[in-house]
Amino acid sequence: MNVKTSAHYQREYRRRLREQGLVKKEIWIRPENAERARSLESELRDENAGASVNANTSAPWRTGALYDELASHALVREGRASIELIEGVDPTLHLVMHRYGDLPVFVSVAGNQIIAEAMLWPVALVKDAVEFNETVLRTQKYFPLSTICLGQRMDQDHYLMFGSLSSESSLEDIVTEIDVLASNVIHATEAYVDLLSSDYGSEGELS
């Protein structure tokens, strides 16, 4: 089984942006304005993105209901993502973020929280764990709404990126959380790639 790392999705993301006729422009801003810059970037990139409003925000979401709403949201309806419901004791939503190179994002409702998660890379690919962890702790604030953590996936430790919000959040807030998480995975890959071993590979895949 070939497991793709975030580098693969980063390359696909850039390729698809170029196909849309978009160009990359470097800007210099104050650190505290990073979140505003990301928001403006999204608006300038996709001015006609549809927006629906979930009026019922007083009751906590359940996974099935959240799946139904996301499946009919502009995010999926306009082809920017696809979604499936993974049944089980703890049902999970699996989104494929097409605008971010088909990056997989998993969303689950757990009590009073909704958690969105994406894999970065296996711990084994980090050159120096102490240096890497210190760098992450010092730069975490540059990835708004998302946190980097360790977790076991496919029988080995991975670095993961996740975001969480209240299970009573509006649908639009949930969609924003998912989109920001996917964007942050791409930016984290750019930020930390020099701290990863050469096994990370030009194709961003692990066998």
N, C-alpha and C. Protein backbone atom coordinates (compact mmCIF):
# COMPACT_ATOMS: atom_id res chain seq x y z
N MET A 1 0.84 -1.20 0.00
CA MET A 1 0.00 0.00 0.00
C MET A 1 0.87 1.25 0.00
N ASN A 2 0.60 2.17 -0.92
CA ASN A 2 1.33 3.43 -0.97
C ASN A 2 0.59 4.48 -0.17
N VAL A 3 1.27 5.05 0.81
CA VAL A 3 0.68 6.09 1.65
C VAL A 3 1.27 7.42 1.23
N LYS A 4 0.44 8.33 0.78
CA LYS A 4 0.91 9.64 0.32
C LYS A 4 1.11 10.56 1.52
N THR A 5 2.20 11.31 1.50
CA THR A 5 2.44 12.30 2.55
C THR A 5 1.89 13.65 2.10
N SER A 6 1.97 14.62 2.97
CA SER A 6 1.41 15.94 2.65
C SER A 6 2.14 16.61 1.49
N ALA A 7 3.38 16.19 1.18
CA ALA A 7 4.11 16.78 0.05
C ALA A 7 3.40 16.49 -1.27
N HIS A 8 2.84 15.28 -1.38
CA HIS A 8 2.10 14.93 -2.60
C HIS A 8 0.92 15.87 -2.78
N TYR A 9 0.14 16.09 -1.71
CA TYR A 9 -1.04 16.94 -1.81
C TYR A 9 -0.65 18.39 -2.03
N GLN A 10 0.50 18.79 -1.48
CA GLN A 10 0.98 20.15 -1.72
C GLN A 10 1.24 20.37 -3.21
N ARG A 11 1.91 19.41 -3.85
CA ARG A 11 2.20 19.55 -5.28
C ARG A 11 0.93 19.56 -6.12
N GLU A 12 -0.01 18.66 -5.76
CA GLU A 12 -1.28 18.62 -6.49
C GLU A 12 -2.04 19.93 -6.29
N TYR A 13 -2.00 20.46 -5.09
CA TYR A 13 -2.66 21.72 -4.78
C TYR A 13 -2.11 22.84 -5.66
N ARG A 14 -0.78 22.95 -5.74
CA ARG A 14 -0.18 24.00 -6.54
C ARG A 14 -0.50 23.83 -8.02
N ARG A 15 -0.46 22.56 -8.48
CA ARG A 15 -0.75 22.30 -9.90
C ARG A 15 -2.17 22.74 -10.25
N ARG A 16 -3.11 22.45 -9.39
CA ARG A 16 -4.51 22.78 -9.68
C ARG A 16 -4.76 24.28 -9.58
N LEU A 17 -4.02 24.96 -8.71
CA LEU A 17 -4.14 26.41 -8.68
C LEU A 17 -3.65 27.02 -9.99
N ARG A 18 -2.53 26.49 -10.49
CA ARG A 18 -2.02 27.00 -11.77
C ARG A 18 -3.01 26.74 -12.89
N GLU A 19 -3.65 25.59 -12.88
CA GLU A 19 -4.64 25.25 -13.91
C GLU A 19 -5.84 26.18 -13.88
N GLN A 20 -6.11 26.77 -12.71
CA GLN A 20 -7.22 27.72 -12.57
C GLN A 20 -6.82 29.12 -13.01
N GLY A 21 -5.56 29.27 -13.43
CA GLY A 21 -5.10 30.57 -13.87
C GLY A 21 -4.63 31.47 -12.74
N LEU A 22 -4.44 30.89 -11.55
CA LEU A 22 -4.00 31.67 -10.40
C LEU A 22 -2.48 31.77 -10.39
N VAL A 23 -1.97 32.83 -9.79
CA VAL A 23 -0.53 33.04 -9.69
C VAL A 23 -0.17 33.25 -8.22
N LYS A 24 1.05 32.88 -7.85
CA LYS A 24 1.52 33.04 -6.48
C LYS A 24 2.20 34.39 -6.33
N LYS A 25 1.81 35.14 -5.30
CA LYS A 25 2.41 36.43 -4.99
C LYS A 25 2.88 36.41 -3.54
N GLU A 26 4.14 36.74 -3.33
CA GLU A 26 4.67 36.77 -1.97
C GLU A 26 4.36 38.12 -1.34
N ILE A 27 3.87 38.09 -0.09
CA ILE A 27 3.59 39.34 0.62
C ILE A 27 4.28 39.30 1.98
N TRP A 28 4.53 40.46 2.53
CA TRP A 28 5.16 40.57 3.84
C TRP A 28 4.18 41.26 4.78
N ILE A 29 3.88 40.60 5.88
CA ILE A 29 2.90 41.13 6.83
C ILE A 29 3.41 40.95 8.26
N ARG A 30 2.73 41.60 9.19
CA ARG A 30 3.04 41.37 10.59
C ARG A 30 2.46 40.02 11.02
N PRO A 31 3.15 39.29 11.91
CA PRO A 31 2.69 37.95 12.31
C PRO A 31 1.26 37.91 12.80
N GLU A 32 0.84 38.93 13.53
CA GLU A 32 -0.51 38.91 14.09
C GLU A 32 -1.61 39.06 13.03
N ASN A 33 -1.22 39.39 11.79
CA ASN A 33 -2.20 39.55 10.71
C ASN A 33 -2.29 38.31 9.83
N ALA A 34 -1.66 37.20 10.26
CA ALA A 34 -1.63 36.00 9.41
C ALA A 34 -3.03 35.48 9.10
N GLU A 35 -3.90 35.46 10.10
CA GLU A 35 -5.24 34.94 9.88
C GLU A 35 -6.02 35.81 8.91
N ARG A 36 -5.89 37.13 9.04
CA ARG A 36 -6.56 38.03 8.11
C ARG A 36 -6.06 37.83 6.69
N ALA A 37 -4.75 37.63 6.54
CA ALA A 37 -4.18 37.43 5.21
C ALA A 37 -4.72 36.16 4.56
N ARG A 38 -4.83 35.07 5.37
CA ARG A 38 -5.37 33.82 4.83
C ARG A 38 -6.81 34.02 4.36
N SER A 39 -7.59 34.75 5.16
CA SER A 39 -8.98 34.99 4.82
C SER A 39 -9.09 35.79 3.52
N LEU A 40 -8.27 36.82 3.40
CA LEU A 40 -8.28 37.63 2.18
C LEU A 40 -7.83 36.83 0.97
N GLU A 41 -6.84 35.97 1.17
CA GLU A 41 -6.37 35.12 0.08
C GLU A 41 -7.49 34.25 -0.45
N SER A 42 -8.26 33.67 0.48
CA SER A 42 -9.37 32.81 0.08
C SER A 42 -10.42 33.59 -0.69
N GLU A 43 -10.73 34.81 -0.25
CA GLU A 43 -11.72 35.63 -0.94
C GLU A 43 -11.25 36.01 -2.33
N LEU A 44 -9.99 36.38 -2.45
CA LEU A 44 -9.46 36.80 -3.75
C LEU A 44 -9.37 35.63 -4.73
N ARG A 45 -9.23 34.43 -4.19
CA ARG A 45 -9.09 33.24 -5.02
C ARG A 45 -10.43 32.72 -5.50
N ASP A 46 -11.45 32.85 -4.69
CA ASP A 46 -12.73 32.20 -4.98
C ASP A 46 -13.87 33.12 -4.58
N GLU A 47 -14.07 34.18 -5.34
CA GLU A 47 -15.05 35.20 -4.96
C GLU A 47 -16.49 34.71 -5.08
N ASN A 48 -16.74 33.69 -5.91
CA ASN A 48 -18.11 33.27 -6.15
C ASN A 48 -18.50 32.01 -5.40
N ALA A 49 -17.69 31.63 -4.40
CA ALA A 49 -18.03 30.43 -3.63
C ALA A 49 -19.38 30.62 -2.97
N GLY A 50 -20.23 29.59 -3.10
CA GLY A 50 -21.57 29.66 -2.51
C GLY A 50 -21.49 29.61 -1.01
N ALA A 51 -22.50 30.16 -0.38
CA ALA A 51 -22.56 30.14 1.08
C ALA A 51 -23.98 29.86 1.52
N SER A 52 -24.14 28.87 2.34
CA SER A 52 -25.45 28.57 2.90
C SER A 52 -25.38 28.82 4.40
N VAL A 53 -26.51 29.06 4.99
CA VAL A 53 -26.55 29.36 6.42
C VAL A 53 -27.34 28.27 7.13
N ASN A 54 -26.74 27.71 8.16
CA ASN A 54 -27.44 26.74 8.99
C ASN A 54 -28.07 27.49 10.15
N ALA A 55 -29.39 27.69 10.08
CA ALA A 55 -30.07 28.50 11.07
C ALA A 55 -30.17 27.79 12.41
N ASN A 56 -30.15 26.46 12.38
CA ASN A 56 -30.34 25.72 13.62
C ASN A 56 -29.00 25.42 14.27
N THR A 57 -28.54 26.38 15.10
CA THR A 57 -27.25 26.19 15.74
C THR A 57 -27.38 25.94 17.24
N SER A 58 -28.64 25.81 17.72
CA SER A 58 -28.85 25.64 19.15
C SER A 58 -28.67 24.20 19.59
N ALA A 59 -28.92 23.25 18.71
CA ALA A 59 -28.81 21.83 19.06
C ALA A 59 -27.48 21.27 18.55
N PRO A 60 -26.83 20.41 19.32
CA PRO A 60 -25.55 19.82 18.88
C PRO A 60 -25.73 19.01 17.61
N TRP A 61 -24.71 19.04 16.77
CA TRP A 61 -24.71 18.24 15.56
C TRP A 61 -24.57 16.76 15.90
N ARG A 62 -25.16 15.93 15.07
CA ARG A 62 -24.91 14.50 15.05
C ARG A 62 -24.26 14.17 13.72
N THR A 63 -23.45 13.13 13.67
CA THR A 63 -22.65 12.85 12.48
C THR A 63 -23.50 12.70 11.23
N GLY A 64 -24.60 11.96 11.34
CA GLY A 64 -25.45 11.75 10.16
C GLY A 64 -26.03 13.04 9.63
N ALA A 65 -26.50 13.90 10.54
CA ALA A 65 -27.08 15.18 10.11
C ALA A 65 -26.01 16.08 9.50
N LEU A 66 -24.81 16.06 10.08
CA LEU A 66 -23.72 16.87 9.54
C LEU A 66 -23.33 16.38 8.15
N TYR A 67 -23.33 15.08 7.97
CA TYR A 67 -23.04 14.52 6.64
C TYR A 67 -24.05 15.02 5.61
N ASP A 68 -25.34 14.96 5.95
CA ASP A 68 -26.38 15.39 5.00
C ASP A 68 -26.21 16.85 4.61
N GLU A 69 -25.90 17.70 5.60
CA GLU A 69 -25.75 19.13 5.31
C GLU A 69 -24.50 19.42 4.50
N LEU A 70 -23.40 18.76 4.85
CA LEU A 70 -22.16 18.98 4.08
C LEU A 70 -22.29 18.46 2.66
N ALA A 71 -22.99 17.34 2.49
CA ALA A 71 -23.14 16.74 1.16
C ALA A 71 -23.89 17.67 0.21
N SER A 72 -24.75 18.53 0.75
CA SER A 72 -25.51 19.45 -0.09
C SER A 72 -24.94 20.86 -0.08
N HIS A 73 -23.85 21.07 0.68
CA HIS A 73 -23.22 22.39 0.76
C HIS A 73 -22.45 22.69 -0.52
N ALA A 74 -22.23 23.98 -0.78
CA ALA A 74 -21.49 24.39 -1.98
C ALA A 74 -20.10 23.78 -2.04
N LEU A 75 -19.50 23.52 -0.88
CA LEU A 75 -18.17 22.90 -0.84
C LEU A 75 -18.14 21.61 -1.64
N VAL A 76 -19.19 20.80 -1.50
CA VAL A 76 -19.30 19.53 -2.22
C VAL A 76 -20.04 19.71 -3.54
N ARG A 77 -21.10 20.49 -3.50
CA ARG A 77 -21.94 20.68 -4.68
C ARG A 77 -21.17 21.27 -5.85
N GLU A 78 -20.23 22.15 -5.56
CA GLU A 78 -19.45 22.80 -6.62
C GLU A 78 -18.16 22.06 -6.94
N GLY A 79 -17.97 20.88 -6.33
CA GLY A 79 -16.83 20.04 -6.69
C GLY A 79 -15.53 20.39 -6.02
N ARG A 80 -15.56 21.25 -4.99
CA ARG A 80 -14.31 21.57 -4.29
C ARG A 80 -13.90 20.47 -3.32
N ALA A 81 -14.85 19.61 -2.98
CA ALA A 81 -14.57 18.47 -2.10
C ALA A 81 -15.60 17.39 -2.37
N SER A 82 -15.28 16.17 -1.99
CA SER A 82 -16.26 15.09 -1.99
C SER A 82 -16.30 14.51 -0.58
N ILE A 83 -17.38 13.80 -0.27
CA ILE A 83 -17.57 13.36 1.11
C ILE A 83 -18.20 11.98 1.14
N GLU A 84 -17.81 11.20 2.13
CA GLU A 84 -18.45 9.91 2.39
C GLU A 84 -18.57 9.73 3.89
N LEU A 85 -19.57 8.94 4.29
CA LEU A 85 -19.80 8.63 5.69
C LEU A 85 -19.24 7.25 5.98
N ILE A 86 -18.28 7.17 6.89
CA ILE A 86 -17.71 5.89 7.29
C ILE A 86 -18.47 5.42 8.52
N GLU A 87 -19.26 4.37 8.35
CA GLU A 87 -20.08 3.87 9.45
C GLU A 87 -19.21 3.13 10.47
N GLY A 88 -19.72 2.99 11.68
CA GLY A 88 -19.01 2.27 12.72
C GLY A 88 -19.51 2.71 14.08
N VAL A 89 -18.84 2.21 15.12
CA VAL A 89 -19.21 2.61 16.48
C VAL A 89 -19.10 4.11 16.63
N ASP A 90 -18.05 4.69 16.07
CA ASP A 90 -17.88 6.14 16.05
C ASP A 90 -17.85 6.59 14.59
N PRO A 91 -18.99 6.91 14.00
CA PRO A 91 -19.03 7.30 12.58
C PRO A 91 -18.11 8.48 12.30
N THR A 92 -17.51 8.47 11.13
CA THR A 92 -16.57 9.52 10.74
C THR A 92 -16.89 9.99 9.33
N LEU A 93 -16.71 11.26 9.10
CA LEU A 93 -16.85 11.80 7.75
C LEU A 93 -15.48 11.88 7.10
N HIS A 94 -15.39 11.37 5.89
CA HIS A 94 -14.15 11.42 5.12
C HIS A 94 -14.34 12.38 3.96
N LEU A 95 -13.64 13.50 4.01
CA LEU A 95 -13.70 14.48 2.93
C LEU A 95 -12.41 14.44 2.13
N VAL A 96 -12.55 14.52 0.82
CA VAL A 96 -11.40 14.64 -0.06
C VAL A 96 -11.41 16.07 -0.60
N MET A 97 -10.41 16.84 -0.21
CA MET A 97 -10.37 18.26 -0.55
C MET A 97 -9.71 18.45 -1.91
N HIS A 98 -10.51 18.49 -2.95
CA HIS A 98 -9.98 18.51 -4.32
C HIS A 98 -9.16 19.76 -4.60
N ARG A 99 -9.54 20.88 -4.03
CA ARG A 99 -8.80 22.11 -4.30
C ARG A 99 -7.43 22.11 -3.62
N TYR A 100 -7.21 21.16 -2.71
CA TYR A 100 -5.92 21.02 -2.03
C TYR A 100 -5.25 19.70 -2.43
N GLY A 101 -5.33 19.37 -3.71
CA GLY A 101 -4.64 18.19 -4.22
C GLY A 101 -5.23 16.87 -3.76
N ASP A 102 -6.54 16.83 -3.47
CA ASP A 102 -7.22 15.62 -2.98
C ASP A 102 -6.76 15.22 -1.58
N LEU A 103 -6.42 16.20 -0.76
CA LEU A 103 -6.02 15.95 0.62
C LEU A 103 -7.18 15.34 1.41
N PRO A 104 -6.96 14.22 2.11
CA PRO A 104 -8.02 13.64 2.94
C PRO A 104 -8.14 14.35 4.29
N VAL A 105 -9.35 14.67 4.67
CA VAL A 105 -9.64 15.25 5.98
C VAL A 105 -10.74 14.41 6.63
N PHE A 106 -10.56 14.08 7.88
CA PHE A 106 -11.54 13.27 8.60
C PHE A 106 -12.21 14.12 9.68
N VAL A 107 -13.53 14.05 9.72
CA VAL A 107 -14.31 14.86 10.66
C VAL A 107 -15.16 13.93 11.51
N SER A 108 -15.13 14.16 12.83
CA SER A 108 -15.94 13.35 13.74
C SER A 108 -16.60 14.24 14.78
N VAL A 109 -17.77 13.80 15.23
CA VAL A 109 -18.47 14.49 16.31
C VAL A 109 -18.27 13.67 17.56
N ALA A 110 -17.67 14.28 18.58
CA ALA A 110 -17.38 13.57 19.82
C ALA A 110 -17.89 14.40 20.99
N GLY A 111 -19.07 14.04 21.50
CA GLY A 111 -19.65 14.78 22.61
C GLY A 111 -19.94 16.21 22.22
N ASN A 112 -19.31 17.16 22.90
CA ASN A 112 -19.57 18.58 22.61
C ASN A 112 -18.55 19.18 21.67
N GLN A 113 -17.78 18.32 20.98
CA GLN A 113 -16.76 18.78 20.05
C GLN A 113 -16.94 18.19 18.66
N ILE A 114 -16.54 18.95 17.68
CA ILE A 114 -16.36 18.45 16.31
C ILE A 114 -14.87 18.56 16.03
N ILE A 115 -14.27 17.47 15.59
CA ILE A 115 -12.82 17.44 15.34
C ILE A 115 -12.57 17.14 13.86
N ALA A 116 -11.76 17.97 13.24
CA ALA A 116 -11.31 17.76 11.86
C ALA A 116 -9.81 17.47 11.90
N GLU A 117 -9.39 16.42 11.20
CA GLU A 117 -8.00 15.95 11.32
C GLU A 117 -7.44 15.56 9.96
N ALA A 118 -6.15 15.81 9.78
CA ALA A 118 -5.43 15.37 8.58
C ALA A 118 -4.04 14.89 8.99
N MET A 119 -3.51 13.91 8.28
CA MET A 119 -2.16 13.41 8.56
C MET A 119 -1.12 14.30 7.88
N LEU A 120 0.00 14.50 8.58
CA LEU A 120 1.13 15.20 7.99
C LEU A 120 2.15 14.18 7.48
N TRP A 121 2.88 13.51 8.40
CA TRP A 121 3.88 12.53 7.99
C TRP A 121 4.23 11.63 9.17
N PRO A 122 4.83 10.47 8.93
CA PRO A 122 5.26 9.60 10.02
C PRO A 122 6.38 10.24 10.84
N VAL A 123 6.41 9.94 12.13
CA VAL A 123 7.47 10.43 13.01
C VAL A 123 8.84 9.99 12.49
N ALA A 124 8.90 8.80 11.89
CA ALA A 124 10.17 8.25 11.42
C ALA A 124 10.83 9.13 10.35
N LEU A 125 10.07 10.02 9.72
CA LEU A 125 10.65 10.86 8.68
C LEU A 125 11.29 12.15 9.21
N VAL A 126 11.17 12.40 10.49
CA VAL A 126 11.75 13.61 11.06
C VAL A 126 13.23 13.38 11.36
N LYS A 127 14.08 14.29 10.90
CA LYS A 127 15.52 14.14 11.11
C LYS A 127 15.90 14.16 12.58
N ASP A 128 15.43 15.17 13.28
CA ASP A 128 15.79 15.37 14.68
C ASP A 128 14.51 15.74 15.42
N ALA A 129 13.97 14.80 16.20
CA ALA A 129 12.68 15.00 16.84
C ALA A 129 12.70 16.20 17.80
N VAL A 130 13.80 16.37 18.55
CA VAL A 130 13.88 17.47 19.50
C VAL A 130 13.83 18.81 18.78
N GLU A 131 14.63 18.94 17.73
CA GLU A 131 14.64 20.19 16.97
C GLU A 131 13.29 20.44 16.31
N PHE A 132 12.72 19.38 15.75
CA PHE A 132 11.43 19.52 15.06
C PHE A 132 10.34 19.96 16.04
N ASN A 133 10.26 19.27 17.18
CA ASN A 133 9.21 19.59 18.15
C ASN A 133 9.34 21.01 18.68
N GLU A 134 10.59 21.45 18.90
CA GLU A 134 10.80 22.82 19.37
C GLU A 134 10.36 23.83 18.30
N THR A 135 10.68 23.51 17.04
CA THR A 135 10.29 24.40 15.95
C THR A 135 8.77 24.50 15.85
N VAL A 136 8.10 23.36 15.97
CA VAL A 136 6.64 23.35 15.91
C VAL A 136 6.05 24.19 17.04
N LEU A 137 6.57 24.03 18.24
CA LEU A 137 6.05 24.79 19.38
C LEU A 137 6.23 26.29 19.20
N ARG A 138 7.34 26.68 18.56
CA ARG A 138 7.62 28.10 18.39
C ARG A 138 6.84 28.71 17.22
N THR A 139 6.39 27.88 16.30
CA THR A 139 5.73 28.41 15.09
C THR A 139 4.26 28.04 14.98
N GLN A 140 3.73 27.30 15.95
CA GLN A 140 2.36 26.84 15.91
C GLN A 140 1.37 27.99 15.71
N LYS A 141 1.66 29.15 16.27
CA LYS A 141 0.74 30.28 16.19
C LYS A 141 0.52 30.79 14.76
N TYR A 142 1.38 30.39 13.84
CA TYR A 142 1.24 30.84 12.46
C TYR A 142 0.25 30.00 11.66
N PHE A 143 -0.35 29.00 12.29
CA PHE A 143 -1.36 28.16 11.63
C PHE A 143 -2.68 28.31 12.37
N PRO A 144 -3.43 29.35 12.07
CA PRO A 144 -4.64 29.66 12.83
C PRO A 144 -5.67 28.54 12.78
N LEU A 145 -6.31 28.30 13.91
CA LEU A 145 -7.39 27.34 14.08
C LEU A 145 -6.94 25.88 14.06
N SER A 146 -5.64 25.63 13.89
CA SER A 146 -5.16 24.24 13.80
C SER A 146 -4.04 23.99 14.80
N THR A 147 -3.92 22.73 15.20
CA THR A 147 -2.90 22.31 16.15
C THR A 147 -2.19 21.07 15.62
N ILE A 148 -0.89 20.96 15.87
CA ILE A 148 -0.12 19.78 15.47
C ILE A 148 0.07 18.89 16.69
N CYS A 149 -0.14 17.60 16.50
CA CYS A 149 -0.01 16.66 17.61
C CYS A 149 0.54 15.33 17.09
N LEU A 150 0.77 14.40 18.00
CA LEU A 150 1.20 13.05 17.66
C LEU A 150 0.03 12.09 17.83
N GLY A 151 -0.05 11.10 16.95
CA GLY A 151 -1.08 10.09 17.06
C GLY A 151 -0.68 8.86 16.26
N GLN A 152 -1.23 7.71 16.63
CA GLN A 152 -0.89 6.49 15.91
C GLN A 152 -1.90 6.23 14.80
N ARG A 153 -1.39 6.08 13.61
CA ARG A 153 -2.20 5.77 12.45
C ARG A 153 -1.49 4.68 11.66
N MET A 154 -2.22 3.68 11.21
CA MET A 154 -1.64 2.58 10.42
C MET A 154 -0.45 1.95 11.13
N ASP A 155 -0.60 1.74 12.44
CA ASP A 155 0.38 1.04 13.26
C ASP A 155 1.71 1.76 13.41
N GLN A 156 1.74 3.06 13.17
CA GLN A 156 2.95 3.81 13.46
C GLN A 156 2.59 5.25 13.85
N ASP A 157 3.50 5.87 14.60
CA ASP A 157 3.25 7.23 15.05
C ASP A 157 3.35 8.22 13.89
N HIS A 158 2.40 9.13 13.84
CA HIS A 158 2.38 10.17 12.83
C HIS A 158 2.22 11.54 13.50
N TYR A 159 2.72 12.56 12.81
CA TYR A 159 2.34 13.91 13.15
C TYR A 159 1.01 14.19 12.45
N LEU A 160 0.08 14.74 13.21
CA LEU A 160 -1.24 15.05 12.70
C LEU A 160 -1.50 16.54 12.87
N MET A 161 -2.39 17.07 12.07
CA MET A 161 -2.87 18.43 12.27
C MET A 161 -4.37 18.35 12.44
N PHE A 162 -4.89 19.05 13.45
CA PHE A 162 -6.33 18.99 13.68
C PHE A 162 -6.85 20.34 14.14
N GLY A 163 -8.16 20.48 14.01
CA GLY A 163 -8.86 21.64 14.54
C GLY A 163 -10.12 21.16 15.23
N SER A 164 -10.58 21.89 16.22
CA SER A 164 -11.79 21.50 16.93
C SER A 164 -12.68 22.70 17.16
N LEU A 165 -13.97 22.46 17.25
CA LEU A 165 -14.92 23.51 17.53
C LEU A 165 -16.15 22.90 18.19
N SER A 166 -17.02 23.73 18.69
CA SER A 166 -18.19 23.25 19.40
C SER A 166 -19.13 22.47 18.49
N SER A 167 -19.77 21.44 19.05
CA SER A 167 -20.74 20.67 18.27
C SER A 167 -22.01 21.47 18.01
N GLU A 168 -22.11 22.66 18.56
CA GLU A 168 -23.24 23.54 18.29
C GLU A 168 -22.87 24.64 17.29
N SER A 169 -21.71 24.51 16.67
CA SER A 169 -21.26 25.52 15.70
C SER A 169 -22.14 25.53 14.47
N SER A 170 -22.17 26.66 13.79
CA SER A 170 -22.92 26.76 12.54
C SER A 170 -22.24 25.95 11.44
N LEU A 171 -23.00 25.60 10.45
CA LEU A 171 -22.44 24.85 9.32
C LEU A 171 -21.31 25.62 8.65
N GLU A 172 -21.48 26.93 8.52
CA GLU A 172 -20.44 27.73 7.86
C GLU A 172 -19.15 27.74 8.66
N ASP A 173 -19.26 27.76 9.99
CA ASP A 173 -18.05 27.71 10.82
C ASP A 173 -17.35 26.37 10.66
N ILE A 174 -18.12 25.30 10.52
CA ILE A 174 -17.53 23.97 10.33
C ILE A 174 -16.82 23.89 8.99
N VAL A 175 -17.46 24.41 7.96
CA VAL A 175 -16.84 24.41 6.62
C VAL A 175 -15.55 25.24 6.65
N THR A 176 -15.58 26.37 7.32
CA THR A 176 -14.37 27.20 7.44
C THR A 176 -13.26 26.44 8.15
N GLU A 177 -13.60 25.74 9.23
CA GLU A 177 -12.61 24.96 9.97
C GLU A 177 -11.96 23.91 9.07
N ILE A 178 -12.75 23.22 8.28
CA ILE A 178 -12.25 22.18 7.39
C ILE A 178 -11.33 22.79 6.33
N ASP A 179 -11.76 23.88 5.74
CA ASP A 179 -10.98 24.52 4.68
C ASP A 179 -9.67 25.09 5.22
N VAL A 180 -9.72 25.73 6.39
CA VAL A 180 -8.50 26.29 6.99
C VAL A 180 -7.53 25.17 7.35
N LEU A 181 -8.06 24.06 7.87
CA LEU A 181 -7.19 22.92 8.19
C LEU A 181 -6.45 22.43 6.96
N ALA A 182 -7.16 22.25 5.85
CA ALA A 182 -6.52 21.78 4.63
C ALA A 182 -5.44 22.77 4.16
N SER A 183 -5.76 24.05 4.23
CA SER A 183 -4.79 25.07 3.84
C SER A 183 -3.57 25.04 4.75
N ASN A 184 -3.80 24.85 6.05
CA ASN A 184 -2.69 24.81 7.00
C ASN A 184 -1.78 23.61 6.78
N VAL A 185 -2.34 22.48 6.38
CA VAL A 185 -1.52 21.30 6.07
C VAL A 185 -0.53 21.64 4.94
N ILE A 186 -1.03 22.31 3.91
CA ILE A 186 -0.16 22.70 2.79
C ILE A 186 0.92 23.66 3.28
N HIS A 187 0.56 24.65 4.07
CA HIS A 187 1.54 25.62 4.55
C HIS A 187 2.53 24.99 5.53
N ALA A 188 2.07 24.05 6.35
CA ALA A 188 2.98 23.38 7.29
C ALA A 188 4.01 22.56 6.54
N THR A 189 3.59 21.93 5.45
CA THR A 189 4.53 21.15 4.64
C THR A 189 5.63 22.05 4.08
N GLU A 190 5.24 23.23 3.62
CA GLU A 190 6.23 24.18 3.11
C GLU A 190 7.17 24.64 4.23
N ALA A 191 6.61 24.84 5.42
CA ALA A 191 7.39 25.39 6.53
C ALA A 191 8.40 24.41 7.11
N TYR A 192 8.04 23.11 7.12
CA TYR A 192 8.84 22.14 7.86
C TYR A 192 9.59 21.13 6.99
N VAL A 193 9.49 21.26 5.69
CA VAL A 193 10.06 20.22 4.82
C VAL A 193 11.57 20.06 5.03
N ASP A 194 12.28 21.13 5.37
CA ASP A 194 13.74 21.03 5.56
C ASP A 194 14.11 20.23 6.81
N LEU A 195 13.15 19.98 7.68
CA LEU A 195 13.42 19.22 8.90
C LEU A 195 13.11 17.74 8.74
N LEU A 196 12.72 17.35 7.52
CA LEU A 196 12.38 15.96 7.25
C LEU A 196 13.51 15.27 6.50
N SER A 197 13.60 13.96 6.65
CA SER A 197 14.68 13.21 6.02
C SER A 197 14.48 13.13 4.52
N SER A 198 15.54 12.74 3.83
CA SER A 198 15.47 12.61 2.37
C SER A 198 14.49 11.55 1.94
N ASP A 199 14.11 10.63 2.84
CA ASP A 199 13.13 9.59 2.52
C ASP A 199 11.75 10.17 2.28
N TYR A 200 11.58 11.45 2.62
CA TYR A 200 10.30 12.10 2.35
C TYR A 200 9.96 11.97 0.88
N GLY A 201 10.96 12.04 0.03
CA GLY A 201 10.81 11.68 -1.38
C GLY A 201 10.25 12.77 -2.25
N SER A 202 10.68 12.79 -3.48
CA SER A 202 10.20 13.77 -4.43
C SER A 202 8.75 13.55 -4.81
N GLU A 203 8.27 12.33 -4.64
CA GLU A 203 6.88 12.06 -4.98
C GLU A 203 5.94 12.16 -3.78
N GLY A 204 6.51 12.34 -2.58
CA GLY A 204 5.67 12.47 -1.41
C GLY A 204 4.92 11.21 -1.07
N GLU A 205 5.48 10.03 -1.37
CA GLU A 205 4.81 8.77 -1.10
C GLU A 205 5.72 7.87 -0.28
N LEU A 206 5.10 7.04 0.53
CA LEU A 206 5.82 6.04 1.31
C LEU A 206 5.27 4.66 0.94
N SER A 207 6.14 3.71 0.79
CA SER A 207 5.67 2.36 0.46
C SER A 207 5.38 1.59 1.74
